[in-house]
């Protein structure tokens, strides 16, 4: 059953992964920055808002299948002055915890 109090990141806005976040993930996973950006772009839309009132807010993606536990700091931004209702979810940092055994 979907968690209405913790929507998926994809339901809020398209995801944009910053250089810094891609570097952090790439270092943790041992992949180059481009692959890191692609993997985060695929995984993070499925992240849910983490409890708490951090600024910027945290979104968490966990998968038993892949063994990944990601926490991403995300700022919702309005990219264009002429589109005030448009938003983009900018991933400013990411931390990775491996849960594989």
PDB file of N, CA and C in Angstrom:
ATOM      1  N   UNK A   1       0.846  -1.183   0.000  1.00  0.00           N
ATOM      2  CA  UNK A   1       0.000   0.000   0.000  1.00  0.00           C
ATOM      3  C   UNK A   1       0.890   1.244   0.000  1.00  0.00           C
ATOM      4  N   UNK A   2       0.642   2.196  -0.890  1.00  0.00           N
ATOM      5  CA  UNK A   2       1.465   3.403  -0.941  1.00  0.00           C
ATOM      6  C   UNK A   2       1.375   4.196   0.350  1.00  0.00           C
ATOM      7  N   UNK A   3       2.458   4.862   0.696  1.00  0.00           N
ATOM      8  CA  UNK A   3       2.539   5.668   1.893  1.00  0.00           C
ATOM      9  C   UNK A   3       2.269   7.122   1.507  1.00  0.00           C
ATOM     10  N   UNK A   4       1.046   7.590   1.724  1.00  0.00           N
ATOM     11  CA  UNK A   4       0.651   8.935   1.300  1.00  0.00           C
ATOM     12  C   UNK A   4       1.398  10.029   2.051  1.00  0.00           C
ATOM     13  N   UNK A   5       1.858   9.720   3.245  1.00  0.00           N
ATOM     14  CA  UNK A   5       2.579  10.718   4.036  1.00  0.00           C
ATOM     15  C   UNK A   5       4.034  10.843   3.604  1.00  0.00           C
ATOM     16  N   UNK A   6       4.520   9.860   2.880  1.00  0.00           N
ATOM     17  CA  UNK A   6       5.909   9.876   2.401  1.00  0.00           C
ATOM     18  C   UNK A   6       5.902   9.545   0.912  1.00  0.00           C
ATOM     19  N   UNK A   7       5.576  10.543   0.086  1.00  0.00           N
ATOM     20  CA  UNK A   7       5.470  10.269  -1.354  1.00  0.00           C
ATOM     21  C   UNK A   7       6.819   9.926  -1.967  1.00  0.00           C
ATOM     22  N   UNK A   8       6.745   9.259  -3.105  1.00  0.00           N
ATOM     23  CA  UNK A   8       7.957   8.987  -3.864  1.00  0.00           C
ATOM     24  C   UNK A   8       8.507  10.296  -4.423  1.00  0.00           C
ATOM     25  N   UNK A   9       9.815  10.372  -4.546  1.00  0.00           N
ATOM     26  CA  UNK A   9      10.447  11.568  -5.081  1.00  0.00           C
ATOM     27  C   UNK A   9       9.951  11.853  -6.499  1.00  0.00           C
ATOM     28  N   UNK A  10       9.718  10.819  -7.282  1.00  0.00           N
ATOM     29  CA  UNK A  10       9.253  11.009  -8.664  1.00  0.00           C
ATOM     30  C   UNK A  10       7.888  11.689  -8.730  1.00  0.00           C
ATOM     31  N   UNK A  11       7.100  11.603  -7.649  1.00  0.00           N
ATOM     32  CA  UNK A  11       5.789  12.228  -7.635  1.00  0.00           C
ATOM     33  C   UNK A  11       5.873  13.729  -7.364  1.00  0.00           C
ATOM     34  N   UNK A  12       7.027  14.193  -6.923  1.00  0.00           N
ATOM     35  CA  UNK A  12       7.198  15.616  -6.616  1.00  0.00           C
ATOM     36  C   UNK A  12       7.754  16.406  -7.786  1.00  0.00           C
ATOM     37  N   UNK A  13       8.768  15.837  -8.445  1.00  0.00           N
ATOM     38  CA  UNK A  13       9.434  16.573  -9.521  1.00  0.00           C
ATOM     39  C   UNK A  13      10.432  15.652 -10.220  1.00  0.00           C
ATOM     40  N   UNK A  14      10.840  16.010 -11.447  1.00  0.00           N
ATOM     41  CA  UNK A  14      11.922  15.270 -12.099  1.00  0.00           C
ATOM     42  C   UNK A  14      13.208  15.398 -11.279  1.00  0.00           C
ATOM     43  N   UNK A  15      14.038  14.363 -11.318  1.00  0.00           N
ATOM     44  CA  UNK A  15      15.260  14.313 -10.513  1.00  0.00           C
ATOM     45  C   UNK A  15      16.463  14.753 -11.339  1.00  0.00           C
ATOM     46  N   UNK A  16      17.262  15.649 -10.745  1.00  0.00           N
ATOM     47  CA  UNK A  16      18.533  16.068 -11.339  1.00  0.00           C
ATOM     48  C   UNK A  16      19.635  15.753 -10.335  1.00  0.00           C
ATOM     49  N   UNK A  17      20.637  14.981 -10.738  1.00  0.00           N
ATOM     50  CA  UNK A  17      21.746  14.580  -9.866  1.00  0.00           C
ATOM     51  C   UNK A  17      22.929  15.515 -10.091  1.00  0.00           C
ATOM     52  N   UNK A  18      23.387  16.172  -9.039  1.00  0.00           N
ATOM     53  CA  UNK A  18      24.516  17.096  -9.159  1.00  0.00           C
ATOM     54  C   UNK A  18      25.838  16.341  -9.295  1.00  0.00           C
ATOM     55  N   UNK A  19      26.845  17.082  -9.721  1.00  0.00           N
ATOM     56  CA  UNK A  19      28.198  16.566  -9.846  1.00  0.00           C
ATOM     57  C   UNK A  19      28.675  15.994  -8.504  1.00  0.00           C
ATOM     58  N   UNK A  20      28.450  16.743  -7.439  1.00  0.00           N
ATOM     59  CA  UNK A  20      28.886  16.309  -6.104  1.00  0.00           C
ATOM     60  C   UNK A  20      28.235  14.989  -5.698  1.00  0.00           C
ATOM     61  N   UNK A  21      26.927  14.869  -5.889  1.00  0.00           N
ATOM     62  CA  UNK A  21      26.223  13.639  -5.524  1.00  0.00           C
ATOM     63  C   UNK A  21      26.725  12.459  -6.349  1.00  0.00           C
ATOM     64  N   UNK A  22      26.955  12.679  -7.636  1.00  0.00           N
ATOM     65  CA  UNK A  22      27.472  11.612  -8.499  1.00  0.00           C
ATOM     66  C   UNK A  22      28.869  11.188  -8.046  1.00  0.00           C
ATOM     67  N   UNK A  23      29.699  12.139  -7.663  1.00  0.00           N
ATOM     68  CA  UNK A  23      31.043  11.807  -7.170  1.00  0.00           C
ATOM     69  C   UNK A  23      30.962  10.980  -5.889  1.00  0.00           C
ATOM     70  N   UNK A  24      30.093  11.377  -4.972  1.00  0.00           N
ATOM     71  CA  UNK A  24      29.957  10.652  -3.708  1.00  0.00           C
ATOM     72  C   UNK A  24      29.503   9.211  -3.950  1.00  0.00           C
ATOM     73  N   UNK A  25      28.512   9.040  -4.782  1.00  0.00           N
ATOM     74  CA  UNK A  25      28.012   7.696  -5.080  1.00  0.00           C
ATOM     75  C   UNK A  25      29.066   6.889  -5.831  1.00  0.00           C
ATOM     76  N   UNK A  26      29.717   7.514  -6.810  1.00  0.00           N
ATOM     77  CA  UNK A  26      30.750   6.824  -7.578  1.00  0.00           C
ATOM     78  C   UNK A  26      31.884   6.333  -6.696  1.00  0.00           C
ATOM     79  N   UNK A  27      32.317   7.160  -5.753  1.00  0.00           N
ATOM     80  CA  UNK A  27      33.383   6.755  -4.837  1.00  0.00           C
ATOM     81  C   UNK A  27      32.946   5.579  -3.967  1.00  0.00           C
ATOM     82  N   UNK A  28      31.722   5.610  -3.504  1.00  0.00           N
ATOM     83  CA  UNK A  28      31.221   4.536  -2.641  1.00  0.00           C
ATOM     84  C   UNK A  28      31.022   3.230  -3.396  1.00  0.00           C
ATOM     85  N   UNK A  29      30.604   3.328  -4.658  1.00  0.00           N
ATOM     86  CA  UNK A  29      30.283   2.137  -5.448  1.00  0.00           C
ATOM     87  C   UNK A  29      31.396   1.707  -6.396  1.00  0.00           C
ATOM     88  N   UNK A  30      32.433   2.512  -6.504  1.00  0.00           N
ATOM     89  CA  UNK A  30      33.545   2.160  -7.379  1.00  0.00           C
ATOM     90  C   UNK A  30      33.212   2.255  -8.859  1.00  0.00           C
ATOM     91  N   UNK A  31      32.388   3.246  -9.210  1.00  0.00           N
ATOM     92  CA  UNK A  31      32.032   3.449 -10.611  1.00  0.00           C
ATOM     93  C   UNK A  31      32.387   4.880 -11.006  1.00  0.00           C
ATOM     94  N   UNK A  32      32.495   5.119 -12.331  1.00  0.00           N
ATOM     95  CA  UNK A  32      32.824   6.471 -12.773  1.00  0.00           C
ATOM     96  C   UNK A  32      31.611   7.386 -12.591  1.00  0.00           C
ATOM     97  N   UNK A  33      31.877   8.668 -12.709  1.00  0.00           N
ATOM     98  CA  UNK A  33      30.849   9.668 -12.419  1.00  0.00           C
ATOM     99  C   UNK A  33      29.631   9.563 -13.334  1.00  0.00           C
ATOM    100  N   UNK A  34      29.840   9.292 -14.601  1.00  0.00           N
ATOM    101  CA  UNK A  34      28.712   9.189 -15.526  1.00  0.00           C
ATOM    102  C   UNK A  34      27.817   8.008 -15.163  1.00  0.00           C
ATOM    103  N   UNK A  35      28.423   6.871 -14.868  1.00  0.00           N
ATOM    104  CA  UNK A  35      27.608   5.715 -14.454  1.00  0.00           C
ATOM    105  C   UNK A  35      26.901   6.003 -13.136  1.00  0.00           C
ATOM    106  N   UNK A  36      27.593   6.663 -12.215  1.00  0.00           N
ATOM    107  CA  UNK A  36      26.989   7.022 -10.936  1.00  0.00           C
ATOM    108  C   UNK A  36      25.763   7.904 -11.148  1.00  0.00           C
ATOM    109  N   UNK A  37      25.895   8.901 -12.007  1.00  0.00           N
ATOM    110  CA  UNK A  37      24.768   9.805 -12.285  1.00  0.00           C
ATOM    111  C   UNK A  37      23.592   9.034 -12.882  1.00  0.00           C
ATOM    112  N   UNK A  38      23.885   8.120 -13.806  1.00  0.00           N
ATOM    113  CA  UNK A  38      22.815   7.326 -14.425  1.00  0.00           C
ATOM    114  C   UNK A  38      22.127   6.415 -13.409  1.00  0.00           C
ATOM    115  N   UNK A  39      22.917   5.764 -12.559  1.00  0.00           N
ATOM    116  CA  UNK A  39      22.327   4.871 -11.553  1.00  0.00           C
ATOM    117  C   UNK A  39      21.466   5.648 -10.570  1.00  0.00           C
ATOM    118  N   UNK A  40      21.966   6.782 -10.101  1.00  0.00           N
ATOM    119  CA  UNK A  40      21.181   7.596  -9.171  1.00  0.00           C
ATOM    120  C   UNK A  40      19.909   8.116  -9.828  1.00  0.00           C
ATOM    121  N   UNK A  41      20.004   8.502 -11.086  1.00  0.00           N
ATOM    122  CA  UNK A  41      18.835   9.000 -11.809  1.00  0.00           C
ATOM    123  C   UNK A  41      17.779   7.908 -11.941  1.00  0.00           C
ATOM    124  N   UNK A  42      18.205   6.662 -12.030  1.00  0.00           N
ATOM    125  CA  UNK A  42      17.264   5.539 -12.120  1.00  0.00           C
ATOM    126  C   UNK A  42      16.698   5.144 -10.761  1.00  0.00           C
ATOM    127  N   UNK A  43      17.522   5.203  -9.708  1.00  0.00           N
ATOM    128  CA  UNK A  43      17.108   4.719  -8.391  1.00  0.00           C
ATOM    129  C   UNK A  43      16.346   5.745  -7.558  1.00  0.00           C
ATOM    130  N   UNK A  44      16.805   6.978  -7.560  1.00  0.00           N
ATOM    131  CA  UNK A  44      16.256   7.968  -6.628  1.00  0.00           C
ATOM    132  C   UNK A  44      14.803   8.372  -6.872  1.00  0.00           C
ATOM    133  N   UNK A  45      14.263   8.283  -8.076  1.00  0.00           N
ATOM    134  CA  UNK A  45      12.827   8.568  -8.192  1.00  0.00           C
ATOM    135  C   UNK A  45      11.972   7.653  -7.308  1.00  0.00           C
ATOM    136  N   UNK A  46      12.513   6.506  -6.916  1.00  0.00           N
ATOM    137  CA  UNK A  46      11.783   5.570  -6.056  1.00  0.00           C
ATOM    138  C   UNK A  46      12.043   5.808  -4.576  1.00  0.00           C
ATOM    139  N   UNK A  47      12.795   6.843  -4.250  1.00  0.00           N
ATOM    140  CA  UNK A  47      13.101   7.162  -2.850  1.00  0.00           C
ATOM    141  C   UNK A  47      11.893   7.832  -2.189  1.00  0.00           C
ATOM    142  N   UNK A  48      11.779   7.596  -0.892  1.00  0.00           N
ATOM    143  CA  UNK A  48      10.710   8.215  -0.100  1.00  0.00           C
ATOM    144  C   UNK A  48      11.305   9.217   0.880  1.00  0.00           C
ATOM    145  N   UNK A  49      10.539  10.215   1.204  1.00  0.00           N
ATOM    146  CA  UNK A  49      10.969  11.233   2.174  1.00  0.00           C
ATOM    147  C   UNK A  49      11.256  10.545   3.506  1.00  0.00           C
ATOM    148  N   UNK A  50      12.426  10.831   4.051  1.00  0.00           N
ATOM    149  CA  UNK A  50      12.812  10.272   5.353  1.00  0.00           C
ATOM    150  C   UNK A  50      12.163  11.097   6.458  1.00  0.00           C
ATOM    151  N   UNK A  51      11.837  10.466   7.569  1.00  0.00           N
ATOM    152  CA  UNK A  51      11.266  11.227   8.683  1.00  0.00           C
ATOM    153  C   UNK A  51      12.261  12.289   9.167  1.00  0.00           C
ATOM    154  N   UNK A  52      11.738  13.374   9.689  1.00  0.00           N
ATOM    155  CA  UNK A  52      12.594  14.429  10.214  1.00  0.00           C
ATOM    156  C   UNK A  52      12.377  15.732   9.484  1.00  0.00           C
ATOM    157  N   UNK A  53      13.014  16.760  10.000  1.00  0.00           N
ATOM    158  CA  UNK A  53      12.829  18.095   9.419  1.00  0.00           C
ATOM    159  C   UNK A  53      14.153  18.708   8.984  1.00  0.00           C
ATOM    160  N   UNK A  54      15.037  17.873   8.448  1.00  0.00           N
ATOM    161  CA  UNK A  54      16.326  18.359   7.983  1.00  0.00           C
ATOM    162  C   UNK A  54      16.143  19.333   6.827  1.00  0.00           C
ATOM    163  N   UNK A  55      17.132  20.185   6.652  1.00  0.00           N
ATOM    164  CA  UNK A  55      17.135  21.106   5.530  1.00  0.00           C
ATOM    165  C   UNK A  55      18.495  21.056   4.857  1.00  0.00           C
ATOM    166  N   UNK A  56      18.615  20.590   3.628  1.00  0.00           N
ATOM    167  CA  UNK A  56      17.517  20.144   2.776  1.00  0.00           C
ATOM    168  C   UNK A  56      16.995  18.777   3.217  1.00  0.00           C
ATOM    169  N   UNK A  57      15.759  18.472   2.851  1.00  0.00           N
ATOM    170  CA  UNK A  57      15.154  17.210   3.274  1.00  0.00           C
ATOM    171  C   UNK A  57      15.889  15.991   2.727  1.00  0.00           C
ATOM    172  N   UNK A  58      15.773  14.904   3.457  1.00  0.00           N
ATOM    173  CA  UNK A  58      16.398  13.640   3.062  1.00  0.00           C
ATOM    174  C   UNK A  58      15.351  12.725   2.433  1.00  0.00           C
ATOM    175  N   UNK A  59      15.787  12.021   1.412  1.00  0.00           N
ATOM    176  CA  UNK A  59      14.974  10.992   0.760  1.00  0.00           C
ATOM    177  C   UNK A  59      15.775   9.703   0.796  1.00  0.00           C
ATOM    178  N   UNK A  60      15.091   8.597   1.066  1.00  0.00           N
ATOM    179  CA  UNK A  60      15.798   7.325   1.244  1.00  0.00           C
ATOM    180  C   UNK A  60      15.291   6.276   0.263  1.00  0.00           C
ATOM    181  N   UNK A  61      16.261   5.590  -0.325  1.00  0.00           N
ATOM    182  CA  UNK A  61      15.981   4.467  -1.220  1.00  0.00           C
ATOM    183  C   UNK A  61      16.637   3.239  -0.607  1.00  0.00           C
ATOM    184  N   UNK A  62      15.861   2.185  -0.422  1.00  0.00           N
ATOM    185  CA  UNK A  62      16.410   0.925   0.081  1.00  0.00           C
ATOM    186  C   UNK A  62      15.909  -0.219  -0.779  1.00  0.00           C
ATOM    187  N   UNK A  63      16.820  -1.173  -1.024  1.00  0.00           N
ATOM    188  CA  UNK A  63      16.452  -2.339  -1.814  1.00  0.00           C
ATOM    189  C   UNK A  63      17.123  -3.577  -1.234  1.00  0.00           C
ATOM    190  N   UNK A  64      16.318  -4.530  -0.842  1.00  0.00           N
ATOM    191  CA  UNK A  64      16.877  -5.815  -0.382  1.00  0.00           C
ATOM    192  C   UNK A  64      17.513  -6.550  -1.555  1.00  0.00           C
ATOM    193  N   UNK A  65      16.930  -6.382  -2.735  1.00  0.00           N
ATOM    194  CA  UNK A  65      17.426  -7.074  -3.931  1.00  0.00           C
ATOM    195  C   UNK A  65      18.853  -6.636  -4.285  1.00  0.00           C
ATOM    196  N   UNK A  66      19.091  -5.332  -4.309  1.00  0.00           N
ATOM    197  CA  UNK A  66      20.418  -4.825  -4.680  1.00  0.00           C
ATOM    198  C   UNK A  66      21.338  -4.659  -3.480  1.00  0.00           C
ATOM    199  N   UNK A  67      20.768  -4.609  -2.282  1.00  0.00           N
ATOM    200  CA  UNK A  67      21.575  -4.400  -1.091  1.00  0.00           C
ATOM    201  C   UNK A  67      21.985  -2.954  -0.879  1.00  0.00           C
ATOM    202  N   UNK A  68      21.338  -2.040  -1.571  1.00  0.00           N
ATOM    203  CA  UNK A  68      21.675  -0.623  -1.435  1.00  0.00           C
ATOM    204  C   UNK A  68      20.744   0.074  -0.460  1.00  0.00           C
ATOM    205  N   UNK A  69      21.311   0.996   0.285  1.00  0.00           N
ATOM    206  CA  UNK A  69      20.567   1.870   1.181  1.00  0.00           C
ATOM    207  C   UNK A  69      21.131   3.266   0.945  1.00  0.00           C
ATOM    208  N   UNK A  70      20.380   4.100   0.229  1.00  0.00           N
ATOM    209  CA  UNK A  70      20.832   5.432  -0.145  1.00  0.00           C
ATOM    210  C   UNK A  70      20.035   6.486   0.614  1.00  0.00           C
ATOM    211  N   UNK A  71      20.727   7.510   1.063  1.00  0.00           N
ATOM    212  CA  UNK A  71      20.069   8.684   1.613  1.00  0.00           C
ATOM    213  C   UNK A  71      20.542   9.873   0.802  1.00  0.00           C
ATOM    214  N   UNK A  72      19.601  10.581   0.210  1.00  0.00           N
ATOM    215  CA  UNK A  72      19.925  11.724  -0.639  1.00  0.00           C
ATOM    216  C   UNK A  72      19.330  12.987  -0.044  1.00  0.00           C
ATOM    217  N   UNK A  73      20.111  14.054  -0.066  1.00  0.00           N
ATOM    218  CA  UNK A  73      19.611  15.381   0.320  1.00  0.00           C
ATOM    219  C   UNK A  73      19.114  16.037  -0.959  1.00  0.00           C
ATOM    220  N   UNK A  74      17.871  16.515  -0.919  1.00  0.00           N
ATOM    221  CA  UNK A  74      17.221  16.999  -2.130  1.00  0.00           C
ATOM    222  C   UNK A  74      16.612  18.385  -1.891  1.00  0.00           C
ATOM    223  N   UNK A  75      16.939  19.303  -2.797  1.00  0.00           N
ATOM    224  CA  UNK A  75      16.339  20.629  -2.777  1.00  0.00           C
ATOM    225  C   UNK A  75      15.378  20.742  -3.949  1.00  0.00           C
ATOM    226  N   UNK A  76      14.148  21.149  -3.672  1.00  0.00           N
ATOM    227  CA  UNK A  76      13.189  21.387  -4.746  1.00  0.00           C
ATOM    228  C   UNK A  76      13.388  22.813  -5.234  1.00  0.00           C
ATOM    229  N   UNK A  77      13.662  22.954  -6.518  1.00  0.00           N
ATOM    230  CA  UNK A  77      13.938  24.258  -7.096  1.00  0.00           C
ATOM    231  C   UNK A  77      12.994  24.539  -8.254  1.00  0.00           C
ATOM    232  N   UNK A  78      12.792  25.819  -8.508  1.00  0.00           N
ATOM    233  CA  UNK A  78      12.055  26.269  -9.676  1.00  0.00           C
ATOM    234  C   UNK A  78      13.098  26.695 -10.699  1.00  0.00           C
ATOM    235  N   UNK A  79      13.258  25.949 -11.784  1.00  0.00           N
ATOM    236  CA  UNK A  79      14.360  26.213 -12.703  1.00  0.00           C
ATOM    237  C   UNK A  79      14.193  27.434 -13.599  1.00  0.00           C
ATOM    238  N   UNK A  80      12.967  27.834 -13.876  1.00  0.00           N
ATOM    239  CA  UNK A  80      12.747  28.916 -14.836  1.00  0.00           C
ATOM    240  C   UNK A  80      11.830  29.988 -14.245  1.00  0.00           C
ATOM    241  N   UNK A  81      12.198  31.230 -14.464  1.00  0.00           N
ATOM    242  CA  UNK A  81      11.375  32.329 -13.974  1.00  0.00           C
ATOM    243  C   UNK A  81       9.995  32.354 -14.632  1.00  0.00           C
ATOM    244  N   UNK A  82       9.915  31.930 -15.889  1.00  0.00           N
ATOM    245  CA  UNK A  82       8.638  31.982 -16.592  1.00  0.00           C
ATOM    246  C   UNK A  82       7.774  30.736 -16.373  1.00  0.00           C
ATOM    247  N   UNK A  83       8.220  29.826 -15.509  1.00  0.00           N
ATOM    248  CA  UNK A  83       7.437  28.630 -15.180  1.00  0.00           C
ATOM    249  C   UNK A  83       7.440  28.428 -13.663  1.00  0.00           C
ATOM    250  N   UNK A  84       6.749  29.321 -12.932  1.00  0.00           N
ATOM    251  CA  UNK A  84       6.822  29.272 -11.469  1.00  0.00           C
ATOM    252  C   UNK A  84       6.261  27.996 -10.845  1.00  0.00           C
ATOM    253  N   UNK A  85       5.419  27.274 -11.572  1.00  0.00           N
ATOM    254  CA  UNK A  85       4.855  26.037 -11.026  1.00  0.00           C
ATOM    255  C   UNK A  85       5.720  24.815 -11.326  1.00  0.00           C
ATOM    256  N   UNK A  86       6.690  24.983 -12.213  1.00  0.00           N
ATOM    257  CA  UNK A  86       7.586  23.871 -12.551  1.00  0.00           C
ATOM    258  C   UNK A  86       8.619  23.721 -11.435  1.00  0.00           C
ATOM    259  N   UNK A  87       8.919  22.488 -11.097  1.00  0.00           N
ATOM    260  CA  UNK A  87       9.935  22.227 -10.077  1.00  0.00           C
ATOM    261  C   UNK A  87      10.852  21.132 -10.556  1.00  0.00           C
ATOM    262  N   UNK A  88      12.038  21.119  -9.971  1.00  0.00           N
ATOM    263  CA  UNK A  88      13.002  20.061 -10.230  1.00  0.00           C
ATOM    264  C   UNK A  88      13.593  19.652  -8.887  1.00  0.00           C
ATOM    265  N   UNK A  89      13.783  18.345  -8.690  1.00  0.00           N
ATOM    266  CA  UNK A  89      14.359  17.821  -7.446  1.00  0.00           C
ATOM    267  C   UNK A  89      15.863  17.687  -7.649  1.00  0.00           C
ATOM    268  N   UNK A  90      16.621  18.582  -7.046  1.00  0.00           N
ATOM    269  CA  UNK A  90      18.066  18.618  -7.218  1.00  0.00           C
ATOM    270  C   UNK A  90      18.720  17.826  -6.083  1.00  0.00           C
ATOM    271  N   UNK A  91      19.394  16.738  -6.442  1.00  0.00           N
ATOM    272  CA  UNK A  91      20.091  15.898  -5.455  1.00  0.00           C
ATOM    273  C   UNK A  91      21.444  16.546  -5.183  1.00  0.00           C
ATOM    274  N   UNK A  92      21.595  17.137  -3.984  1.00  0.00           N
ATOM    275  CA  UNK A  92      22.811  17.875  -3.672  1.00  0.00           C
ATOM    276  C   UNK A  92      23.882  17.010  -3.011  1.00  0.00           C
ATOM    277  N   UNK A  93      23.474  15.921  -2.373  1.00  0.00           N
ATOM    278  CA  UNK A  93      24.454  14.995  -1.793  1.00  0.00           C
ATOM    279  C   UNK A  93      23.797  13.639  -1.600  1.00  0.00           C
ATOM    280  N   UNK A  94      24.634  12.625  -1.466  1.00  0.00           N
ATOM    281  CA  UNK A  94      24.119  11.269  -1.270  1.00  0.00           C
ATOM    282  C   UNK A  94      25.086  10.495  -0.385  1.00  0.00           C
ATOM    283  N   UNK A  95      24.525   9.667   0.480  1.00  0.00           N
ATOM    284  CA  UNK A  95      25.354   8.748   1.255  1.00  0.00           C
ATOM    285  C   UNK A  95      24.874   7.337   0.953  1.00  0.00           C
ATOM    286  N   UNK A  96      25.822   6.407   0.972  1.00  0.00           N
ATOM    287  CA  UNK A  96      25.536   5.037   0.567  1.00  0.00           C
ATOM    288  C   UNK A  96      25.890   4.103   1.705  1.00  0.00           C
ATOM    289  N   UNK A  97      24.977   3.192   1.982  1.00  0.00           N
ATOM    290  CA  UNK A  97      25.253   2.146   2.959  1.00  0.00           C
ATOM    291  C   UNK A  97      24.962   0.817   2.282  1.00  0.00           C
ATOM    292  N   UNK A  98      25.950  -0.016   2.254  1.00  0.00           N
ATOM    293  CA  UNK A  98      25.772  -1.346   1.658  1.00  0.00           C
ATOM    294  C   UNK A  98      25.144  -2.266   2.704  1.00  0.00           C
ATOM    295  N   UNK A  99      24.122  -2.979   2.312  1.00  0.00           N
ATOM    296  CA  UNK A  99      23.499  -3.932   3.219  1.00  0.00           C
ATOM    297  C   UNK A  99      23.658  -5.359   2.708  1.00  0.00           C
ATOM    298  N   UNK A 100      24.500  -5.523   1.689  1.00  0.00           N
ATOM    299  CA  UNK A 100      24.737  -6.866   1.146  1.00  0.00           C
ATOM    300  C   UNK A 100      25.519  -7.690   2.160  1.00  0.00           C
ATOM    301  N   UNK A 101      25.187  -8.953   2.201  1.00  0.00           N
ATOM    302  CA  UNK A 101      25.911  -9.848   3.121  1.00  0.00           C
ATOM    303  C   UNK A 101      26.692 -10.879   2.367  1.00  0.00           C
TER     304      UNK A 101
END
